[in-house]
Amino acid sequence: MWCSRCGRGFSSQRALQQHYNDSANHYRCGVCEFDALSWDKLCSHYRETEHRIVCQGCDDGKGATWSAGSSAYFAHLKEENVCETCEEHFETSSNLYHHKMVHMERSVECYGCYQKFITYPAMILHLEAGTCSSNIDRFDLNESAAMCYQWKAFVDEDYRDELLDRDDLQWKYSEPVYAFRCPECGAGFTKLSGLFQHVYSKACNQGLYEGKIGKLIRWLENRHDL
């Protein structure tokens, strides 16, 4: 038995196989016996053929492989907070959740300009910042939310008149004012974008485009979508 790559002979197929397993010159695919020159080339082979799943974020970036569709791989994703798209690992599931947004398509178009955003809350935050070319700002959004016929579900009654008057609650009060609240769990928010982000994150059972929040979104779209 002869290994042409290493220029060595072996007394049996078993001895040759042991050589393949131990040698730094051989990186063999366990499915088709493809023999790569390096670990990186073997990983590229796995990606192309899908013979195994590669997780490049494992082992300090050296990478590890898993049987395709194995329960061990899916357990690894959950336990190590792994992004399936780029294979990066995160310390917490929350960090992974926020990271995944970088891979999302920017599909939400601004009401006032042609700029697109990954999420609806991000678009609202853009408007609240007052940087949109349409000049729509947080005072416009606050006033519209307070005008909505469903306002009691998501606006604190104590601050409705001030929202309608376009008052700057952040400047007017020395402490944070929670003028908005989630209609499902009652959590309070100082900004409309905070309310939408809360709902988007699925922190409670309120859906973003469902129920009272869904009606608020349709109302804002009718008033501000140019």
C-alpha atoms as a PDB file:
ATOM      1  CA  MET A   1       0.000   0.000   0.000  1.00  0.00           C
ATOM      2  CA  TRP A   2       1.427   3.345  -1.067  1.00  0.00           C
ATOM      3  CA  CYS A   3       0.709   6.974  -0.093  1.00  0.00           C
ATOM      4  CA  SER A   4       1.761   9.070  -3.079  1.00  0.00           C
ATOM      5  CA  ARG A   5       1.359  12.350  -1.211  1.00  0.00           C
ATOM      6  CA  CYS A   6       3.788  11.390   1.518  1.00  0.00           C
ATOM      7  CA  GLY A   7       5.917   9.001  -0.500  1.00  0.00           C
ATOM      8  CA  ARG A   8       5.555   6.177   2.018  1.00  0.00           C
ATOM      9  CA  GLY A   9       4.639   2.517   1.773  1.00  0.00           C
ATOM     10  CA  PHE A  10       2.479   0.541   4.203  1.00  0.00           C
ATOM     11  CA  SER A  11       2.089  -3.178   4.828  1.00  0.00           C
ATOM     12  CA  SER A  12      -1.707  -3.189   4.861  1.00  0.00           C
ATOM     13  CA  GLN A  13      -4.832  -1.169   4.098  1.00  0.00           C
ATOM     14  CA  ARG A  14      -5.356  -0.822   7.819  1.00  0.00           C
ATOM     15  CA  ALA A  15      -1.895   0.687   8.273  1.00  0.00           C
ATOM     16  CA  LEU A  16      -2.503   3.066   5.367  1.00  0.00           C
ATOM     17  CA  GLN A  17      -5.826   4.151   6.886  1.00  0.00           C
ATOM     18  CA  GLN A  18      -4.143   4.757  10.224  1.00  0.00           C
ATOM     19  CA  HIS A  19      -1.615   6.926   8.421  1.00  0.00           C
ATOM     20  CA  TYR A  20      -4.437   8.966   6.866  1.00  0.00           C
ATOM     21  CA  ASN A  21      -5.997   9.432  10.301  1.00  0.00           C
ATOM     22  CA  ASP A  22      -2.772  10.496  12.023  1.00  0.00           C
ATOM     23  CA  SER A  23      -0.946  12.474   9.357  1.00  0.00           C
ATOM     24  CA  ALA A  24      -1.043  16.276   9.175  1.00  0.00           C
ATOM     25  CA  ASN A  25      -0.842  15.915   5.398  1.00  0.00           C
ATOM     26  CA  HIS A  26      -4.288  14.336   5.073  1.00  0.00           C
ATOM     27  CA  TYR A  27      -7.731  15.729   5.867  1.00  0.00           C
ATOM     28  CA  ARG A  28     -10.224  13.176   4.612  1.00  0.00           C
ATOM     29  CA  CYS A  29     -13.990  13.405   4.226  1.00  0.00           C
ATOM     30  CA  GLY A  30     -15.688  10.576   6.074  1.00  0.00           C
ATOM     31  CA  VAL A  31     -18.485  10.430   3.520  1.00  0.00           C
ATOM     32  CA  CYS A  32     -16.723  10.341   0.142  1.00  0.00           C
ATOM     33  CA  GLU A  33     -13.061   9.967   1.222  1.00  0.00           C
ATOM     34  CA  PHE A  34     -12.085  13.233  -0.446  1.00  0.00           C
ATOM     35  CA  ASP A  35      -8.526  13.914   0.703  1.00  0.00           C
ATOM     36  CA  ALA A  36      -7.852  17.609   1.337  1.00  0.00           C
ATOM     37  CA  LEU A  37      -4.457  19.219   1.751  1.00  0.00           C
ATOM     38  CA  SER A  38      -5.584  21.285   4.749  1.00  0.00           C
ATOM     39  CA  TRP A  39      -8.340  21.627   7.323  1.00  0.00           C
ATOM     40  CA  ASP A  40      -9.613  24.783   5.606  1.00  0.00           C
ATOM     41  CA  LYS A  41      -9.879  22.955   2.261  1.00  0.00           C
ATOM     42  CA  LEU A  42     -11.728  20.097   3.929  1.00  0.00           C
ATOM     43  CA  CYS A  43     -14.174  22.588   5.458  1.00  0.00           C
ATOM     44  CA  SER A  44     -14.679  24.143   2.012  1.00  0.00           C
ATOM     45  CA  HIS A  45     -15.414  20.655   0.668  1.00  0.00           C
ATOM     46  CA  TYR A  46     -17.977  20.091   3.427  1.00  0.00           C
ATOM     47  CA  ARG A  47     -19.678  23.381   2.615  1.00  0.00           C
ATOM     48  CA  GLU A  48     -19.821  22.611  -1.104  1.00  0.00           C
ATOM     49  CA  THR A  49     -21.056  19.030  -0.727  1.00  0.00           C
ATOM     50  CA  GLU A  50     -23.020  19.434   2.531  1.00  0.00           C
ATOM     51  CA  HIS A  51     -21.499  16.158   3.697  1.00  0.00           C
ATOM     52  CA  ARG A  52     -21.070  17.759   7.109  1.00  0.00           C
ATOM     53  CA  ILE A  53     -22.091  21.056   8.700  1.00  0.00           C
ATOM     54  CA  VAL A  54     -19.225  23.427   9.459  1.00  0.00           C
ATOM     55  CA  CYS A  55     -19.313  25.779  12.433  1.00  0.00           C
ATOM     56  CA  GLN A  56     -16.335  28.081  11.977  1.00  0.00           C
ATOM     57  CA  GLY A  57     -16.912  29.827  15.302  1.00  0.00           C
ATOM     58  CA  CYS A  58     -16.045  26.700  17.286  1.00  0.00           C
ATOM     59  CA  ASP A  59     -12.651  25.954  18.813  1.00  0.00           C
ATOM     60  CA  ASP A  60     -11.503  29.592  18.902  1.00  0.00           C
ATOM     61  CA  GLY A  61     -12.201  30.079  15.213  1.00  0.00           C
ATOM     62  CA  LYS A  62     -10.516  26.900  14.009  1.00  0.00           C
ATOM     63  CA  GLY A  63     -13.932  25.405  13.342  1.00  0.00           C
ATOM     64  CA  ALA A  64     -15.673  22.119  14.005  1.00  0.00           C
ATOM     65  CA  THR A  65     -17.922  19.874  11.937  1.00  0.00           C
ATOM     66  CA  TRP A  66     -21.184  18.145  12.686  1.00  0.00           C
ATOM     67  CA  SER A  67     -23.255  15.468  11.005  1.00  0.00           C
ATOM     68  CA  ALA A  68     -25.790  17.140   8.725  1.00  0.00           C
ATOM     69  CA  GLY A  69     -29.168  17.477  10.434  1.00  0.00           C
ATOM     70  CA  SER A  70     -27.957  15.942  13.696  1.00  0.00           C
ATOM     71  CA  SER A  71     -29.650  16.706  16.992  1.00  0.00           C
ATOM     72  CA  ALA A  72     -26.199  17.374  18.454  1.00  0.00           C
ATOM     73  CA  TYR A  73     -25.679  20.238  16.000  1.00  0.00           C
ATOM     74  CA  PHE A  74     -29.025  21.877  16.803  1.00  0.00           C
ATOM     75  CA  ALA A  75     -28.328  21.465  20.522  1.00  0.00           C
ATOM     76  CA  HIS A  76     -24.973  23.178  19.923  1.00  0.00           C
ATOM     77  CA  LEU A  77     -26.696  26.128  18.226  1.00  0.00           C
ATOM     78  CA  LYS A  78     -28.977  26.602  21.214  1.00  0.00           C
ATOM     79  CA  GLU A  79     -26.455  25.993  23.986  1.00  0.00           C
ATOM     80  CA  GLU A  80     -23.716  28.161  22.479  1.00  0.00           C
ATOM     81  CA  ASN A  81     -25.999  30.893  21.039  1.00  0.00           C
ATOM     82  CA  VAL A  82     -24.695  30.366  17.509  1.00  0.00           C
ATOM     83  CA  CYS A  83     -25.707  32.414  14.467  1.00  0.00           C
ATOM     84  CA  GLU A  84     -26.420  29.898  11.682  1.00  0.00           C
ATOM     85  CA  THR A  85     -25.684  32.513   9.021  1.00  0.00           C
ATOM     86  CA  CYS A  86     -22.132  33.531   9.989  1.00  0.00           C
ATOM     87  CA  GLU A  87     -21.391  30.877  12.654  1.00  0.00           C
ATOM     88  CA  GLU A  88     -20.423  33.473  15.270  1.00  0.00           C
ATOM     89  CA  HIS A  89     -20.959  32.489  18.918  1.00  0.00           C
ATOM     90  CA  PHE A  90     -22.481  34.795  21.561  1.00  0.00           C
ATOM     91  CA  GLU A  91     -22.499  34.843  25.326  1.00  0.00           C
ATOM     92  CA  THR A  92     -26.254  35.285  25.629  1.00  0.00           C
ATOM     93  CA  SER A  93     -29.362  34.548  23.575  1.00  0.00           C
ATOM     94  CA  SER A  94     -30.179  38.266  23.756  1.00  0.00           C
ATOM     95  CA  ASN A  95     -26.885  39.177  22.105  1.00  0.00           C
ATOM     96  CA  LEU A  96     -27.560  36.605  19.396  1.00  0.00           C
ATOM     97  CA  TYR A  97     -31.059  37.994  18.831  1.00  0.00           C
ATOM     98  CA  HIS A  98     -29.749  41.519  18.252  1.00  0.00           C
ATOM     99  CA  HIS A  99     -26.876  40.262  16.102  1.00  0.00           C
ATOM    100  CA  LYS A 100     -29.217  38.431  13.734  1.00  0.00           C
ATOM    101  CA  MET A 101     -30.629  41.772  12.645  1.00  0.00           C
ATOM    102  CA  VAL A 102     -27.446  42.509  10.687  1.00  0.00           C
ATOM    103  CA  HIS A 103     -28.329  39.641   8.356  1.00  0.00           C
ATOM    104  CA  MET A 104     -31.905  40.764   7.788  1.00  0.00           C
ATOM    105  CA  GLU A 105     -32.971  42.472   4.580  1.00  0.00           C
ATOM    106  CA  ARG A 106     -33.803  46.169   4.809  1.00  0.00           C
ATOM    107  CA  SER A 107     -37.433  45.917   3.705  1.00  0.00           C
ATOM    108  CA  VAL A 108     -39.280  48.541   5.794  1.00  0.00           C
ATOM    109  CA  GLU A 109     -39.469  51.810   3.879  1.00  0.00           C
ATOM    110  CA  CYS A 110     -39.675  55.082   5.792  1.00  0.00           C
ATOM    111  CA  TYR A 111     -43.002  56.923   5.733  1.00  0.00           C
ATOM    112  CA  GLY A 112     -41.307  60.140   4.711  1.00  0.00           C
ATOM    113  CA  CYS A 113     -38.327  59.166   2.538  1.00  0.00           C
ATOM    114  CA  TYR A 114     -37.047  56.258   0.501  1.00  0.00           C
ATOM    115  CA  GLN A 115     -34.626  55.009   3.142  1.00  0.00           C
ATOM    116  CA  LYS A 116     -35.205  51.379   4.174  1.00  0.00           C
ATOM    117  CA  PHE A 117     -34.784  49.732   7.560  1.00  0.00           C
ATOM    118  CA  ILE A 118     -34.482  46.216   8.895  1.00  0.00           C
ATOM    119  CA  THR A 119     -37.394  46.573  11.326  1.00  0.00           C
ATOM    120  CA  TYR A 120     -40.451  48.744  11.831  1.00  0.00           C
ATOM    121  CA  PRO A 121     -39.190  50.021  15.228  1.00  0.00           C
ATOM    122  CA  ALA A 122     -35.923  51.108  13.560  1.00  0.00           C
ATOM    123  CA  MET A 123     -37.901  53.138  11.024  1.00  0.00           C
ATOM    124  CA  ILE A 124     -39.896  54.832  13.796  1.00  0.00           C
ATOM    125  CA  LEU A 125     -36.672  55.591  15.673  1.00  0.00           C
ATOM    126  CA  HIS A 126     -35.339  57.243  12.503  1.00  0.00           C
ATOM    127  CA  LEU A 127     -38.389  59.521  12.378  1.00  0.00           C
ATOM    128  CA  GLU A 128     -38.243  60.305  16.095  1.00  0.00           C
ATOM    129  CA  ALA A 129     -34.638  61.440  15.681  1.00  0.00           C
ATOM    130  CA  GLY A 130     -35.854  64.256  13.427  1.00  0.00           C
ATOM    131  CA  THR A 131     -33.305  63.465  10.716  1.00  0.00           C
ATOM    132  CA  CYS A 132     -35.770  62.387   8.021  1.00  0.00           C
ATOM    133  CA  SER A 133     -35.914  64.656   4.971  1.00  0.00           C
ATOM    134  CA  SER A 134     -39.717  64.704   5.327  1.00  0.00           C
ATOM    135  CA  ASN A 135     -39.360  66.639   8.634  1.00  0.00           C
ATOM    136  CA  ILE A 136     -41.599  64.114  10.384  1.00  0.00           C
ATOM    137  CA  ASP A 137     -40.422  63.919  14.015  1.00  0.00           C
ATOM    138  CA  ARG A 138     -41.400  62.483  17.388  1.00  0.00           C
ATOM    139  CA  PHE A 139     -43.884  65.257  18.047  1.00  0.00           C
ATOM    140  CA  ASP A 140     -45.781  64.347  14.872  1.00  0.00           C
ATOM    141  CA  LEU A 141     -45.820  60.672  15.838  1.00  0.00           C
ATOM    142  CA  ASN A 142     -46.824  61.407  19.437  1.00  0.00           C
ATOM    143  CA  GLU A 143     -49.686  63.611  18.291  1.00  0.00           C
ATOM    144  CA  SER A 144     -50.880  60.985  15.812  1.00  0.00           C
ATOM    145  CA  ALA A 145     -50.790  58.217  18.422  1.00  0.00           C
ATOM    146  CA  ALA A 146     -52.843  60.375  20.795  1.00  0.00           C
ATOM    147  CA  MET A 147     -55.357  61.099  17.991  1.00  0.00           C
ATOM    148  CA  CYS A 148     -55.904  57.424  17.120  1.00  0.00           C
ATOM    149  CA  TYR A 149     -59.375  56.222  18.065  1.00  0.00           C
ATOM    150  CA  GLN A 150     -57.719  53.304  19.925  1.00  0.00           C
ATOM    151  CA  TRP A 151     -55.484  55.654  21.949  1.00  0.00           C
ATOM    152  CA  LYS A 152     -56.677  54.417  25.358  1.00  0.00           C
ATOM    153  CA  ALA A 153     -55.030  51.067  24.670  1.00  0.00           C
ATOM    154  CA  PHE A 154     -51.478  52.437  24.353  1.00  0.00           C
ATOM    155  CA  VAL A 155     -51.412  56.065  25.598  1.00  0.00           C
ATOM    156  CA  ASP A 156     -51.431  57.042  29.269  1.00  0.00           C
ATOM    157  CA  GLU A 157     -54.533  59.164  29.823  1.00  0.00           C
ATOM    158  CA  ASP A 158     -52.610  61.562  32.088  1.00  0.00           C
ATOM    159  CA  TYR A 159     -50.398  62.686  29.194  1.00  0.00           C
ATOM    160  CA  ARG A 160     -52.719  62.527  26.206  1.00  0.00           C
ATOM    161  CA  ASP A 161     -53.511  66.237  26.088  1.00  0.00           C
ATOM    162  CA  GLU A 162     -49.834  67.109  26.211  1.00  0.00           C
ATOM    163  CA  LEU A 163     -49.117  64.719  23.340  1.00  0.00           C
ATOM    164  CA  LEU A 164     -51.910  66.355  21.345  1.00  0.00           C
ATOM    165  CA  ASP A 165     -50.377  69.760  22.129  1.00  0.00           C
ATOM    166  CA  ARG A 166     -47.007  68.463  20.888  1.00  0.00           C
ATOM    167  CA  ASP A 167     -45.341  69.191  24.234  1.00  0.00           C
ATOM    168  CA  ASP A 168     -41.790  68.018  24.808  1.00  0.00           C
ATOM    169  CA  LEU A 169     -42.316  65.722  27.785  1.00  0.00           C
ATOM    170  CA  GLN A 170     -38.600  65.032  28.145  1.00  0.00           C
ATOM    171  CA  TRP A 171     -37.932  68.723  28.655  1.00  0.00           C
ATOM    172  CA  LYS A 172     -41.098  69.479  30.624  1.00  0.00           C
ATOM    173  CA  TYR A 173     -40.593  66.904  33.370  1.00  0.00           C
ATOM    174  CA  SER A 174     -37.481  66.300  35.473  1.00  0.00           C
ATOM    175  CA  GLU A 175     -38.126  62.548  35.560  1.00  0.00           C
ATOM    176  CA  PRO A 176     -38.872  60.089  32.737  1.00  0.00           C
ATOM    177  CA  VAL A 177     -42.500  60.155  31.607  1.00  0.00           C
ATOM    178  CA  TYR A 178     -43.964  56.862  30.429  1.00  0.00           C
ATOM    179  CA  ALA A 179     -46.634  58.207  28.120  1.00  0.00           C
ATOM    180  CA  PHE A 180     -46.997  54.974  26.164  1.00  0.00           C
ATOM    181  CA  ARG A 181     -47.830  51.477  27.343  1.00  0.00           C
ATOM    182  CA  CYS A 182     -48.224  48.008  25.936  1.00  0.00           C
ATOM    183  CA  PRO A 183     -51.896  47.059  25.619  1.00  0.00           C
ATOM    184  CA  GLU A 184     -51.058  43.440  26.421  1.00  0.00           C
ATOM    185  CA  CYS A 185     -48.740  43.532  29.450  1.00  0.00           C
ATOM    186  CA  GLY A 186     -48.985  47.176  30.570  1.00  0.00           C
ATOM    187  CA  ALA A 187     -45.245  47.915  30.339  1.00  0.00           C
ATOM    188  CA  GLY A 188     -44.573  51.657  30.063  1.00  0.00           C
ATOM    189  CA  PHE A 189     -42.349  53.495  27.580  1.00  0.00           C
ATOM    190  CA  THR A 190     -41.082  57.040  27.176  1.00  0.00           C
ATOM    191  CA  LYS A 191     -41.110  56.836  23.372  1.00  0.00           C
ATOM    192  CA  LEU A 192     -43.331  55.290  20.739  1.00  0.00           C
ATOM    193  CA  SER A 193     -40.295  53.520  19.287  1.00  0.00           C
ATOM    194  CA  GLY A 194     -39.725  51.863  22.662  1.00  0.00           C
ATOM    195  CA  LEU A 195     -43.262  50.481  22.610  1.00  0.00           C
ATOM    196  CA  PHE A 196     -42.823  49.125  19.085  1.00  0.00           C
ATOM    197  CA  GLN A 197     -39.429  47.611  19.951  1.00  0.00           C
ATOM    198  CA  HIS A 198     -40.966  45.898  22.973  1.00  0.00           C
ATOM    199  CA  VAL A 199     -43.701  44.360  20.856  1.00  0.00           C
ATOM    200  CA  TYR A 200     -41.286  43.440  18.058  1.00  0.00           C
ATOM    201  CA  SER A 201     -38.996  41.618  20.504  1.00  0.00           C
ATOM    202  CA  LYS A 202     -41.904  39.356  21.514  1.00  0.00           C
ATOM    203  CA  ALA A 203     -41.422  40.243  25.156  1.00  0.00           C
ATOM    204  CA  CYS A 204     -45.130  39.573  25.602  1.00  0.00           C
ATOM    205  CA  ASN A 205     -47.987  38.102  23.577  1.00  0.00           C
ATOM    206  CA  GLN A 206     -48.815  41.317  21.704  1.00  0.00           C
ATOM    207  CA  GLY A 207     -48.058  40.959  17.983  1.00  0.00           C
ATOM    208  CA  LEU A 208     -46.590  43.875  16.051  1.00  0.00           C
ATOM    209  CA  TYR A 209     -49.233  43.899  13.330  1.00  0.00           C
ATOM    210  CA  GLU A 210     -52.057  42.504  15.438  1.00  0.00           C
ATOM    211  CA  GLY A 211     -54.755  43.936  17.654  1.00  0.00           C
ATOM    212  CA  LYS A 212     -54.499  47.479  18.992  1.00  0.00           C
ATOM    213  CA  ILE A 213     -50.846  47.891  17.943  1.00  0.00           C
ATOM    214  CA  GLY A 214     -51.684  46.754  14.435  1.00  0.00           C
ATOM    215  CA  LYS A 215     -54.415  49.402  14.255  1.00  0.00           C
ATOM    216  CA  LEU A 216     -51.979  52.038  15.524  1.00  0.00           C
ATOM    217  CA  ILE A 217     -49.494  51.131  12.782  1.00  0.00           C
ATOM    218  CA  ARG A 218     -52.180  51.383  10.098  1.00  0.00           C
ATOM    219  CA  TRP A 219     -53.254  54.771  11.525  1.00  0.00           C
ATOM    220  CA  LEU A 220     -49.695  56.114  11.465  1.00  0.00           C
ATOM    221  CA  GLU A 221     -49.267  54.855   7.916  1.00  0.00           C
ATOM    222  CA  ASN A 222     -52.455  56.583   6.780  1.00  0.00           C
ATOM    223  CA  ARG A 223     -51.360  59.870   8.353  1.00  0.00           C
ATOM    224  CA  HIS A 224     -47.680  59.959   7.470  1.00  0.00           C
ATOM    225  CA  ASP A 225     -46.938  57.714   4.510  1.00  0.00           C
ATOM    226  CA  LEU A 226     -46.109  60.132   1.673  1.00  0.00           C
END
